[in-house]
Protein backbone atom coordinates (compact mmCIF):
# COMPACT_ATOMS: atom_id res chain seq x y z
CA MET A 1 0.22 -0.05 0.03
CA SER A 2 1.34 3.56 -0.97
CA GLU A 3 1.78 6.23 1.46
CA ARG A 4 -0.85 8.27 -0.24
CA ASP A 5 -3.37 5.25 0.36
CA ARG A 6 -2.31 4.98 4.08
CA LEU A 7 -2.87 8.83 4.42
CA HIS A 8 -6.05 8.38 2.71
CA ASN A 9 -7.15 5.87 5.10
CA LEU A 10 -5.98 7.84 7.87
CA ILE A 11 -8.02 10.95 6.89
CA SER A 12 -11.07 8.76 6.31
CA PHE A 13 -10.91 7.37 9.69
CA PHE A 14 -10.75 10.83 11.14
CA ASP A 15 -13.59 11.92 9.35
CA LYS A 16 -15.87 8.89 10.40
CA ARG A 17 -14.89 9.38 14.08
CA TYR A 18 -15.20 13.01 14.26
CA GLY A 19 -16.87 14.54 11.45
CA TYR A 20 -16.22 18.24 10.73
CA ILE A 21 -14.34 20.08 13.28
CA ASP A 22 -14.58 23.73 13.20
CA TRP A 23 -11.26 24.17 15.18
CA TRP A 24 -9.32 27.34 16.34
CA ASN A 25 -12.49 29.58 15.07
CA ALA A 26 -10.77 32.94 16.32
CA GLY A 27 -9.76 36.39 14.81
CA PHE A 28 -6.88 36.94 13.12
CA ASP A 29 -4.91 38.55 15.54
CA GLU A 30 -5.80 35.79 18.20
CA VAL A 31 -4.65 33.24 15.84
CA ALA A 32 -1.27 34.91 15.10
CA ILE A 33 -0.64 35.37 18.94
CA GLY A 34 -1.65 31.80 19.50
CA ALA A 35 0.46 30.44 16.96
CA ILE A 36 3.77 31.92 19.00
CA LEU A 37 2.36 30.95 22.27
CA THR A 38 1.46 27.15 21.14
CA GLN A 39 5.19 26.51 20.40
CA GLN A 40 6.48 24.00 23.16
CA THR A 41 3.46 23.97 25.20
CA ARG A 42 -0.21 22.40 25.65
CA TRP A 43 -3.18 24.03 24.07
CA GLU A 44 -4.87 24.46 27.38
CA ASN A 45 -2.06 26.96 28.31
CA VAL A 46 -2.48 28.86 25.23
CA ARG A 47 -6.28 29.30 26.00
CA SER A 48 -5.49 30.35 29.23
CA ALA A 49 -2.89 32.75 28.13
CA CYS A 50 -5.13 34.28 25.67
CA ARG A 51 -8.04 34.96 28.18
CA LYS A 52 -5.26 36.82 30.51
CA LEU A 53 -4.24 38.83 27.46
CA ALA A 54 -8.00 39.72 26.64
CA ASP A 55 -8.66 40.57 30.35
CA ALA A 56 -5.65 43.02 29.96
CA ASP A 57 -6.80 44.33 26.60
CA LEU A 58 -3.57 42.83 24.90
CA LEU A 59 -4.89 40.28 22.61
CA THR A 60 -4.57 42.48 19.52
CA LEU A 61 -1.42 42.87 17.50
CA GLN A 62 -1.54 46.58 17.91
CA ALA A 63 -1.82 46.39 21.67
CA ILE A 64 1.37 43.87 21.52
CA CYS A 65 3.37 46.28 19.64
CA THR A 66 2.92 49.06 22.26
CA ALA A 67 2.51 47.17 25.63
CA ASP A 68 5.29 46.90 28.04
CA PRO A 69 6.99 43.61 27.77
CA GLU A 70 6.59 42.67 31.27
CA GLN A 71 2.62 43.14 31.13
CA ILE A 72 2.86 40.39 28.02
CA GLU A 73 5.24 38.25 30.23
CA ALA A 74 2.90 38.10 32.97
CA CYS A 75 -0.21 37.05 31.00
CA ILE A 76 1.73 34.43 29.05
CA ARG A 77 4.00 32.98 31.79
CA CYS A 78 1.70 29.72 31.80
CA THR A 79 2.88 28.79 28.39
CA GLY A 80 6.63 28.57 29.22
CA PHE A 81 9.54 30.37 27.70
CA TYR A 82 7.43 33.36 28.34
CA ARG A 83 10.47 36.07 27.66
CA ILE A 84 11.32 34.38 24.47
CA LYS A 85 7.80 34.31 23.27
CA THR A 86 7.21 38.04 24.25
CA ALA A 87 10.18 39.04 22.08
CA ARG A 88 8.78 36.64 19.34
CA LEU A 89 5.28 38.26 19.55
CA ARG A 90 6.54 41.59 19.27
CA ARG A 91 8.64 41.07 16.61
CA LEU A 92 5.89 39.17 14.80
CA ALA A 93 3.13 42.35 15.60
CA ASP A 94 5.78 44.66 14.44
CA PHE A 95 6.35 43.04 11.02
CA ILE A 96 2.51 42.36 10.37
CA ILE A 97 1.54 45.86 11.35
CA HIS A 98 4.42 48.06 10.05
CA ASP A 99 6.02 45.85 7.10
CA LEU A 100 3.01 44.12 5.54
CA GLY A 101 0.15 46.16 6.49
CA GLU A 102 -2.92 45.62 4.50
CA ALA A 103 -0.97 43.75 1.80
CA ILE A 104 -1.10 40.84 4.08
CA ARG A 105 -4.84 40.04 2.84
CA GLU A 106 -3.69 40.10 -0.88
CA MET A 107 -0.19 38.59 -0.99
CA PRO A 108 -0.08 35.11 -2.84
CA THR A 109 0.03 32.64 -0.14
CA ASP A 110 3.64 31.32 -1.06
CA ASP A 111 4.99 34.98 -1.00
CA LEU A 112 3.64 35.49 2.48
CA ARG A 113 4.51 32.19 3.89
CA GLU A 114 8.24 33.13 2.91
CA ALA A 115 7.79 36.46 4.37
CA LEU A 116 6.77 35.21 7.85
CA LEU A 117 9.33 32.68 7.75
CA THR A 118 12.07 35.66 7.85
CA ILE A 119 10.73 36.76 11.38
CA ASN A 120 13.13 35.15 14.13
CA GLY A 121 11.10 32.79 16.15
CA VAL A 122 8.50 31.97 13.18
CA GLY A 123 8.92 28.41 11.82
CA GLU A 124 7.01 26.32 9.37
CA GLU A 125 4.21 25.22 11.83
CA THR A 126 3.73 28.76 13.18
CA ALA A 127 3.62 30.30 9.61
CA ASP A 128 1.29 27.73 8.33
CA SER A 129 -0.95 27.89 11.70
CA ILE A 130 -1.23 31.89 10.81
CA LEU A 131 -2.04 31.32 7.20
CA CYS A 132 -4.54 28.42 7.69
CA TYR A 133 -6.34 29.38 10.70
CA GLY A 134 -5.72 33.30 10.53
CA LEU A 135 -6.07 33.85 6.95
CA PHE A 136 -8.04 30.96 5.57
CA ARG A 137 -5.11 30.10 3.26
CA THR A 138 -4.59 26.65 1.40
CA THR A 139 -1.81 25.24 3.46
CA PHE A 140 -1.70 22.40 6.15
CA VAL A 141 0.18 22.62 9.70
CA ILE A 142 2.58 19.95 10.24
CA ASP A 143 3.09 19.55 14.06
CA ALA A 144 4.51 17.24 16.29
CA TYR A 145 1.09 15.45 16.44
CA THR A 146 0.79 15.16 12.88
CA ARG A 147 4.00 13.57 12.59
CA LYS A 148 3.62 10.97 15.26
CA ILE A 149 0.20 10.03 14.10
CA CYS A 150 1.35 9.91 10.54
CA ARG A 151 4.25 7.43 11.16
CA CYS A 152 2.00 5.21 13.34
CA ALA A 153 -0.32 5.13 10.17
CA GLY A 154 2.84 4.02 8.26
CA VAL A 155 3.34 7.39 6.52
CA ASP A 156 6.93 8.73 7.16
CA LEU A 157 7.66 11.50 4.77
CA PRO A 158 9.68 14.96 5.12
CA ASP A 159 7.26 17.61 6.07
CA ARG A 160 7.10 19.29 2.51
CA GLU A 161 5.90 15.99 1.14
CA LEU A 162 3.59 15.30 3.95
CA ARG A 163 2.09 18.71 3.72
CA ARG A 164 1.75 18.32 -0.15
CA LEU A 165 -0.05 14.88 0.19
CA PHE A 166 -2.68 16.52 2.51
CA LEU A 167 -3.30 19.37 0.42
CA GLU A 168 -3.94 17.08 -2.37
CA LEU A 169 -6.02 14.56 -0.69
CA LEU A 170 -8.07 17.32 1.07
CA ASP A 171 -8.70 18.99 -2.33
CA HIS A 172 -6.84 22.22 -1.29
CA ASP A 173 -9.82 22.97 0.70
CA ASN A 174 -9.23 25.23 3.58
CA ASN A 175 -12.19 24.01 5.70
CA ARG A 176 -11.07 20.51 5.16
CA LEU A 177 -7.48 21.35 6.05
CA ARG A 178 -8.52 23.14 9.10
CA SER A 179 -10.59 20.26 10.19
CA CYS A 180 -8.42 17.69 9.66
CA HIS A 181 -5.67 19.08 11.57
CA GLY A 182 -8.13 19.71 14.34
CA GLN A 183 -9.16 16.19 14.21
CA ILE A 184 -5.60 15.17 14.54
CA VAL A 185 -4.99 17.39 17.64
CA GLU A 186 -8.17 16.12 19.29
CA TYR A 187 -7.28 12.42 18.84
CA ALA A 188 -3.79 13.17 19.95
CA LYS A 189 -4.84 14.84 23.01
CA GLU A 190 -7.09 11.65 23.78
CA HIS A 191 -4.47 9.12 23.03
CA CYS A 192 -0.98 10.34 22.63
CA THR A 193 -0.58 12.59 25.38
CA ALA A 194 -2.37 9.90 27.56
CA LYS A 195 -0.07 7.27 26.00
CA LYS A 196 -3.00 4.98 25.27
CA CYS A 197 -1.21 3.29 22.48
CA THR A 198 -2.95 -0.08 23.39
CA SER A 199 -6.42 1.45 22.70
CA CYS A 200 -5.30 3.34 19.35
CA SER A 201 -6.95 1.98 16.09
CA ILE A 202 -4.48 3.71 13.78
CA GLN A 203 -1.83 1.30 13.52
CA ALA A 204 -4.35 -1.35 12.36
CA LEU A 205 -5.82 0.91 9.72
CA ASN A 206 -3.59 -0.59 6.98
CA GLY A 207 -2.85 -3.96 8.50
C-alpha cells in the first residue's frame, strides 16, 4: 500500500470518528498570537494565556506592539519560555502591522509564507498556523502530533512531502484542511498525550 493510500485511510478514519471540526475559530490577531504561544506547550496553556491577554486588553497585534513587555510576560507565563515568546510576539506584531500592513490580505500564499518565515522565531508550523487558521489560506499545519500519528499510520515523509499529500487529498479546501488538523489534535490529546497506545486504532488501519 502506498503512503498516499495510507494517508487517505487515516483521513477517512478521522472523518468517520469526528466529522467536521470547526477548530480554532478565532480572529486573525488571536490566531497570530496563539501561533507563537503554542510553541512547546499544551493547547490548554495557550487558551489560558489568551484569556489573560484579553482581560488585560492585550489580545491584538497593535496592543502587543505598544505594551510593556513585562505586562505581556505576566499574561503568557503559563505557556513557558515567556520572555522568548514575548520577544517573538513583538517581532511578529511589528512585522505584520508595519511591514506588511493591509497587503497581508492580498499577498499570494507562497510569498506570504516566505515573508513570515523571515521573522526570528517563526518556523513553518507557526507560519502555516497563521496562514491556515488566521487567513484561511490553502496550507496544512505539520506539527509534532501530525508527524507522530502519520508515522503510526505508516506514513513517514519529510514535512514538505507530507504537507503536499494532505493538500492533494483534502482538495486544497481550507475548511477540510483546518478540520483535519483539528481532528488530529483532538485524537492526539485523547491517545498520544495520555500514552494510550494499546487502545489506538491507527496502526491497524493498513494491516
